[in-house]
Amino acid sequence: MFVRPALFLALASAAGCAAMMKSMEVKPHTADNPIVSGQPLEAREKGDVGGVYEQDCNVWPFEDTMSVRITEGQICISARKHKAASPGWSGEPTANRSEFFRVSNDAGEGGSISVDKQRSSKVAQCFNKGFNAETPIWLFEYEGCAPNNGTVTAATTRLTVGDETWEFPGAAPPAAASAGAPATAGS
């Protein structure tokens, strides 16, 4: 059987992409439901500082963080993100005055929370060999809150904020909690 080269490449590409996507799936964090525990949700990841490496910088590593504090009344996000300025750039790099984080629960309910830039500071200097120039690294800190409006309750079992997801294994989903309730007279 003869397979056209273009078709073979398309099939091989599709199989390779599917395998890559499966390996890139991020496992959710496990945490206690913040409405029940009163504790914030925390996430950390390697800061994205472009084409510089540890040996190029006077400070290393760069870690971006996010903290999500949730009460029955509101959801608040604090984020710290590193950003490399353009090589040879002097002063603070252009950064968004605010960023948006999509928030959704296990039922797909939620919305977006806008977090505003609170502070920025130059935290390191790196030498970008590709541009043969110094590259300053800046830290931007963002904060913002929005009404909870029932997005997260004591029965919520999963929450996604931006690119991070948490599962709350001790929480009973709303349907399971009411399914075991005893029937009342007249029903």
C-alpha atoms as a PDB file:
ATOM      1  CA  MET A   1       0.000   0.000   0.000  1.00  0.00           C
ATOM      2  CA  PHE A   2       1.343   3.399  -0.996  1.00  0.00           C
ATOM      3  CA  VAL A   3       0.776   6.386   1.317  1.00  0.00           C
ATOM      4  CA  ARG A   4       1.326   9.837  -0.086  1.00  0.00           C
ATOM      5  CA  PRO A   5       4.195  11.631   1.665  1.00  0.00           C
ATOM      6  CA  ALA A   6       2.017  14.639   2.550  1.00  0.00           C
ATOM      7  CA  LEU A   7      -0.646  12.398   4.095  1.00  0.00           C
ATOM      8  CA  PHE A   8       2.002  10.424   6.005  1.00  0.00           C
ATOM      9  CA  LEU A   9       3.489  13.662   7.408  1.00  0.00           C
ATOM     10  CA  ALA A  10       0.055  14.946   8.403  1.00  0.00           C
ATOM     11  CA  LEU A  11      -0.787  11.697  10.214  1.00  0.00           C
ATOM     12  CA  ALA A  12       2.608  11.555  11.922  1.00  0.00           C
ATOM     13  CA  SER A  13       2.287  15.210  12.980  1.00  0.00           C
ATOM     14  CA  ALA A  14      -1.197  14.667  14.393  1.00  0.00           C
ATOM     15  CA  ALA A  15      -0.059  11.627  16.387  1.00  0.00           C
ATOM     16  CA  GLY A  16       3.007  13.485  17.656  1.00  0.00           C
ATOM     17  CA  CYS A  17       0.939  16.521  18.682  1.00  0.00           C
ATOM     18  CA  ALA A  18      -1.602  14.357  20.493  1.00  0.00           C
ATOM     19  CA  ALA A  19       1.167  12.599  22.416  1.00  0.00           C
ATOM     20  CA  MET A  20       2.800  15.928  23.271  1.00  0.00           C
ATOM     21  CA  MET A  21      -0.484  17.455  24.473  1.00  0.00           C
ATOM     22  CA  LYS A  22      -1.140  14.451  26.717  1.00  0.00           C
ATOM     23  CA  SER A  23       2.321  14.796  28.278  1.00  0.00           C
ATOM     24  CA  MET A  24       1.761  18.551  28.787  1.00  0.00           C
ATOM     25  CA  GLU A  25      -1.449  18.128  30.820  1.00  0.00           C
ATOM     26  CA  VAL A  26      -0.879  19.734  34.180  1.00  0.00           C
ATOM     27  CA  LYS A  27      -1.886  17.791  37.253  1.00  0.00           C
ATOM     28  CA  PRO A  28      -4.112  19.874  39.536  1.00  0.00           C
ATOM     29  CA  HIS A  29      -2.854  20.954  42.944  1.00  0.00           C
ATOM     30  CA  THR A  30      -4.518  19.269  45.910  1.00  0.00           C
ATOM     31  CA  ALA A  31      -5.650  21.542  48.731  1.00  0.00           C
ATOM     32  CA  ASP A  32      -8.304  21.963  51.375  1.00  0.00           C
ATOM     33  CA  ASN A  33     -11.331  23.945  50.260  1.00  0.00           C
ATOM     34  CA  PRO A  34     -10.426  27.537  51.253  1.00  0.00           C
ATOM     35  CA  ILE A  35     -13.983  28.324  52.435  1.00  0.00           C
ATOM     36  CA  VAL A  36     -13.688  25.478  54.962  1.00  0.00           C
ATOM     37  CA  SER A  37      -9.994  25.840  55.870  1.00  0.00           C
ATOM     38  CA  GLY A  38      -9.623  29.614  55.723  1.00  0.00           C
ATOM     39  CA  GLN A  39      -6.223  29.058  54.057  1.00  0.00           C
ATOM     40  CA  PRO A  40      -5.201  30.632  50.728  1.00  0.00           C
ATOM     41  CA  LEU A  41      -4.495  28.596  47.608  1.00  0.00           C
ATOM     42  CA  GLU A  42      -0.846  28.886  46.519  1.00  0.00           C
ATOM     43  CA  ALA A  43       0.886  28.242  43.186  1.00  0.00           C
ATOM     44  CA  ARG A  44       4.515  28.630  42.125  1.00  0.00           C
ATOM     45  CA  GLU A  45       6.215  28.270  38.775  1.00  0.00           C
ATOM     46  CA  LYS A  46       9.518  29.096  37.161  1.00  0.00           C
ATOM     47  CA  GLY A  47       9.572  32.727  36.042  1.00  0.00           C
ATOM     48  CA  ASP A  48       9.660  33.282  32.282  1.00  0.00           C
ATOM     49  CA  VAL A  49      12.621  35.603  31.710  1.00  0.00           C
ATOM     50  CA  GLY A  50      13.239  34.984  28.023  1.00  0.00           C
ATOM     51  CA  GLY A  51      16.528  33.811  26.539  1.00  0.00           C
ATOM     52  CA  VAL A  52      18.784  34.168  29.577  1.00  0.00           C
ATOM     53  CA  TYR A  53      20.142  31.377  31.722  1.00  0.00           C
ATOM     54  CA  GLU A  54      21.498  30.958  35.245  1.00  0.00           C
ATOM     55  CA  GLN A  55      25.118  31.572  34.217  1.00  0.00           C
ATOM     56  CA  ASP A  56      24.042  34.856  32.550  1.00  0.00           C
ATOM     57  CA  CYS A  57      22.442  36.408  35.658  1.00  0.00           C
ATOM     58  CA  ASN A  58      23.596  37.869  38.966  1.00  0.00           C
ATOM     59  CA  VAL A  59      20.468  36.413  40.673  1.00  0.00           C
ATOM     60  CA  TRP A  60      18.826  33.045  39.986  1.00  0.00           C
ATOM     61  CA  PRO A  61      16.231  31.446  40.002  1.00  0.00           C
ATOM     62  CA  PHE A  62      13.154  33.540  39.242  1.00  0.00           C
ATOM     63  CA  GLU A  63       9.903  32.215  40.667  1.00  0.00           C
ATOM     64  CA  ASP A  64       6.451  33.556  39.854  1.00  0.00           C
ATOM     65  CA  THR A  65       3.803  33.076  42.536  1.00  0.00           C
ATOM     66  CA  MET A  66       0.056  33.387  42.923  1.00  0.00           C
ATOM     67  CA  SER A  67      -1.994  33.399  46.110  1.00  0.00           C
ATOM     68  CA  VAL A  68      -5.794  33.140  46.040  1.00  0.00           C
ATOM     69  CA  ARG A  69      -7.671  34.116  49.212  1.00  0.00           C
ATOM     70  CA  ILE A  70     -11.345  33.186  49.254  1.00  0.00           C
ATOM     71  CA  THR A  71     -14.148  34.052  51.657  1.00  0.00           C
ATOM     72  CA  GLU A  72     -17.888  33.690  51.176  1.00  0.00           C
ATOM     73  CA  GLY A  73     -17.890  37.375  50.210  1.00  0.00           C
ATOM     74  CA  GLN A  74     -14.938  37.718  47.846  1.00  0.00           C
ATOM     75  CA  ILE A  75     -12.094  36.148  45.881  1.00  0.00           C
ATOM     76  CA  CYS A  76      -8.742  37.984  46.028  1.00  0.00           C
ATOM     77  CA  ILE A  77      -5.666  37.267  43.920  1.00  0.00           C
ATOM     78  CA  SER A  78      -2.081  38.352  44.581  1.00  0.00           C
ATOM     79  CA  ALA A  79       0.459  37.564  41.856  1.00  0.00           C
ATOM     80  CA  ARG A  80       4.193  38.160  41.476  1.00  0.00           C
ATOM     81  CA  LYS A  81       5.545  37.891  37.911  1.00  0.00           C
ATOM     82  CA  HIS A  82       9.050  38.355  36.527  1.00  0.00           C
ATOM     83  CA  LYS A  83       9.566  40.065  33.193  1.00  0.00           C
ATOM     84  CA  ALA A  84      12.737  40.619  31.204  1.00  0.00           C
ATOM     85  CA  ALA A  85      13.151  44.075  29.730  1.00  0.00           C
ATOM     86  CA  SER A  86      14.325  44.310  26.146  1.00  0.00           C
ATOM     87  CA  PRO A  87      18.131  43.964  25.936  1.00  0.00           C
ATOM     88  CA  GLY A  88      19.747  47.363  26.354  1.00  0.00           C
ATOM     89  CA  TRP A  89      16.507  48.876  27.695  1.00  0.00           C
ATOM     90  CA  SER A  90      16.837  51.364  30.537  1.00  0.00           C
ATOM     91  CA  GLY A  91      14.057  51.836  33.039  1.00  0.00           C
ATOM     92  CA  GLU A  92      10.975  49.765  33.772  1.00  0.00           C
ATOM     93  CA  PRO A  93       9.801  47.630  30.861  1.00  0.00           C
ATOM     94  CA  THR A  94       6.329  48.120  29.515  1.00  0.00           C
ATOM     95  CA  ALA A  95       3.957  45.916  31.454  1.00  0.00           C
ATOM     96  CA  ASN A  96       0.226  45.747  31.800  1.00  0.00           C
ATOM     97  CA  ARG A  97      -1.198  47.999  34.487  1.00  0.00           C
ATOM     98  CA  SER A  98      -3.622  45.158  35.094  1.00  0.00           C
ATOM     99  CA  GLU A  99      -4.069  41.516  34.183  1.00  0.00           C
ATOM    100  CA  PHE A 100      -7.140  39.317  34.047  1.00  0.00           C
ATOM    101  CA  PHE A 101      -7.500  35.890  35.634  1.00  0.00           C
ATOM    102  CA  ARG A 102     -10.341  33.607  34.574  1.00  0.00           C
ATOM    103  CA  VAL A 103     -11.945  31.901  37.586  1.00  0.00           C
ATOM    104  CA  SER A 104     -14.205  28.840  37.267  1.00  0.00           C
ATOM    105  CA  ASN A 105     -15.468  26.147  39.615  1.00  0.00           C
ATOM    106  CA  ASP A 106     -16.263  22.462  39.035  1.00  0.00           C
ATOM    107  CA  ALA A 107     -19.618  23.433  37.453  1.00  0.00           C
ATOM    108  CA  GLY A 108     -17.928  25.839  35.019  1.00  0.00           C
ATOM    109  CA  GLU A 109     -19.329  28.881  36.837  1.00  0.00           C
ATOM    110  CA  GLY A 110     -17.210  31.941  37.480  1.00  0.00           C
ATOM    111  CA  GLY A 111     -15.900  34.992  35.693  1.00  0.00           C
ATOM    112  CA  SER A 112     -12.786  37.143  35.451  1.00  0.00           C
ATOM    113  CA  ILE A 113     -10.920  39.049  38.109  1.00  0.00           C
ATOM    114  CA  SER A 114      -8.854  42.080  37.184  1.00  0.00           C
ATOM    115  CA  VAL A 115      -5.689  42.490  39.253  1.00  0.00           C
ATOM    116  CA  ASP A 116      -3.892  45.836  39.208  1.00  0.00           C
ATOM    117  CA  LYS A 117      -0.146  46.439  39.292  1.00  0.00           C
ATOM    118  CA  GLN A 118       0.808  47.535  42.820  1.00  0.00           C
ATOM    119  CA  ARG A 119       4.606  47.634  42.640  1.00  0.00           C
ATOM    120  CA  SER A 120       7.492  46.967  40.336  1.00  0.00           C
ATOM    121  CA  SER A 121      11.211  46.691  40.980  1.00  0.00           C
ATOM    122  CA  LYS A 122      14.363  45.712  39.142  1.00  0.00           C
ATOM    123  CA  VAL A 123      15.579  42.494  40.783  1.00  0.00           C
ATOM    124  CA  ALA A 124      18.452  41.262  38.594  1.00  0.00           C
ATOM    125  CA  GLN A 125      20.761  41.937  35.693  1.00  0.00           C
ATOM    126  CA  CYS A 126      21.464  39.299  33.043  1.00  0.00           C
ATOM    127  CA  PHE A 127      23.639  39.282  29.942  1.00  0.00           C
ATOM    128  CA  ASN A 128      21.717  38.149  26.869  1.00  0.00           C
ATOM    129  CA  LYS A 129      24.347  36.582  24.603  1.00  0.00           C
ATOM    130  CA  GLY A 130      21.990  36.511  21.617  1.00  0.00           C
ATOM    131  CA  PHE A 131      21.712  40.304  21.682  1.00  0.00           C
ATOM    132  CA  ASN A 132      25.160  40.882  23.223  1.00  0.00           C
ATOM    133  CA  ALA A 133      23.523  43.247  25.723  1.00  0.00           C
ATOM    134  CA  GLU A 134      22.547  43.547  29.374  1.00  0.00           C
ATOM    135  CA  THR A 135      18.962  42.552  30.164  1.00  0.00           C
ATOM    136  CA  PRO A 136      17.361  43.803  33.374  1.00  0.00           C
ATOM    137  CA  ILE A 137      14.822  41.526  35.080  1.00  0.00           C
ATOM    138  CA  TRP A 138      11.871  43.179  36.795  1.00  0.00           C
ATOM    139  CA  LEU A 139       9.354  41.891  39.331  1.00  0.00           C
ATOM    140  CA  PHE A 140       5.751  43.056  39.009  1.00  0.00           C
ATOM    141  CA  GLU A 141       3.277  42.594  41.855  1.00  0.00           C
ATOM    142  CA  TYR A 142      -0.469  42.528  41.171  1.00  0.00           C
ATOM    143  CA  GLU A 143      -3.500  42.437  43.488  1.00  0.00           C
ATOM    144  CA  GLY A 144      -7.239  42.462  43.002  1.00  0.00           C
ATOM    145  CA  CYS A 145     -10.547  41.205  44.393  1.00  0.00           C
ATOM    146  CA  ALA A 146     -14.031  40.489  43.081  1.00  0.00           C
ATOM    147  CA  PRO A 147     -17.267  39.319  44.709  1.00  0.00           C
ATOM    148  CA  ASN A 148     -17.457  35.540  45.215  1.00  0.00           C
ATOM    149  CA  ASN A 149     -21.163  35.373  44.239  1.00  0.00           C
ATOM    150  CA  GLY A 150     -21.281  31.655  45.114  1.00  0.00           C
ATOM    151  CA  THR A 151     -18.479  30.620  42.749  1.00  0.00           C
ATOM    152  CA  VAL A 152     -16.681  28.932  45.657  1.00  0.00           C
ATOM    153  CA  THR A 153     -18.743  27.335  48.425  1.00  0.00           C
ATOM    154  CA  ALA A 154     -18.002  24.677  51.036  1.00  0.00           C
ATOM    155  CA  ALA A 155     -19.236  22.083  48.490  1.00  0.00           C
ATOM    156  CA  THR A 156     -16.928  23.184  45.637  1.00  0.00           C
ATOM    157  CA  THR A 157     -14.599  20.344  44.632  1.00  0.00           C
ATOM    158  CA  ARG A 158     -12.458  22.018  41.949  1.00  0.00           C
ATOM    159  CA  LEU A 159     -11.331  25.571  41.148  1.00  0.00           C
ATOM    160  CA  THR A 160      -9.344  26.989  38.239  1.00  0.00           C
ATOM    161  CA  VAL A 161      -7.736  30.445  38.452  1.00  0.00           C
ATOM    162  CA  GLY A 162      -5.818  31.476  35.338  1.00  0.00           C
ATOM    163  CA  ASP A 163      -3.623  28.502  34.363  1.00  0.00           C
ATOM    164  CA  GLU A 164      -3.717  26.874  37.812  1.00  0.00           C
ATOM    165  CA  THR A 165      -6.226  24.293  39.040  1.00  0.00           C
ATOM    166  CA  TRP A 166      -6.859  23.003  42.554  1.00  0.00           C
ATOM    167  CA  GLU A 167      -8.901  19.994  43.628  1.00  0.00           C
ATOM    168  CA  PHE A 168     -10.500  19.820  47.067  1.00  0.00           C
ATOM    169  CA  PRO A 169     -10.751  16.072  47.813  1.00  0.00           C
ATOM    170  CA  GLY A 170     -12.556  16.444  51.156  1.00  0.00           C
ATOM    171  CA  ALA A 171     -15.473  18.437  49.719  1.00  0.00           C
ATOM    172  CA  ALA A 172     -18.654  16.652  48.734  1.00  0.00           C
ATOM    173  CA  PRO A 173     -20.104  17.763  45.404  1.00  0.00           C
ATOM    174  CA  PRO A 174     -23.523  19.464  45.765  1.00  0.00           C
ATOM    175  CA  ALA A 175     -25.430  16.637  43.998  1.00  0.00           C
ATOM    176  CA  ALA A 176     -23.848  13.937  46.183  1.00  0.00           C
ATOM    177  CA  ALA A 177     -24.525  15.907  49.355  1.00  0.00           C
ATOM    178  CA  SER A 178     -28.256  16.228  48.583  1.00  0.00           C
ATOM    179  CA  ALA A 179     -28.604  12.690  47.152  1.00  0.00           C
ATOM    180  CA  GLY A 180     -28.032  11.118  50.556  1.00  0.00           C
ATOM    181  CA  ALA A 181     -30.511  13.412  52.351  1.00  0.00           C
ATOM    182  CA  PRO A 182     -33.493  11.631  53.871  1.00  0.00           C
ATOM    183  CA  ALA A 183     -36.861  12.123  52.183  1.00  0.00           C
ATOM    184  CA  THR A 184     -39.319  14.356  53.981  1.00  0.00           C
ATOM    185  CA  ALA A 185     -43.000  13.753  54.556  1.00  0.00           C
ATOM    186  CA  GLY A 186     -45.070  14.914  51.612  1.00  0.00           C
ATOM    187  CA  SER A 187     -42.404  14.180  48.996  1.00  0.00           C
END
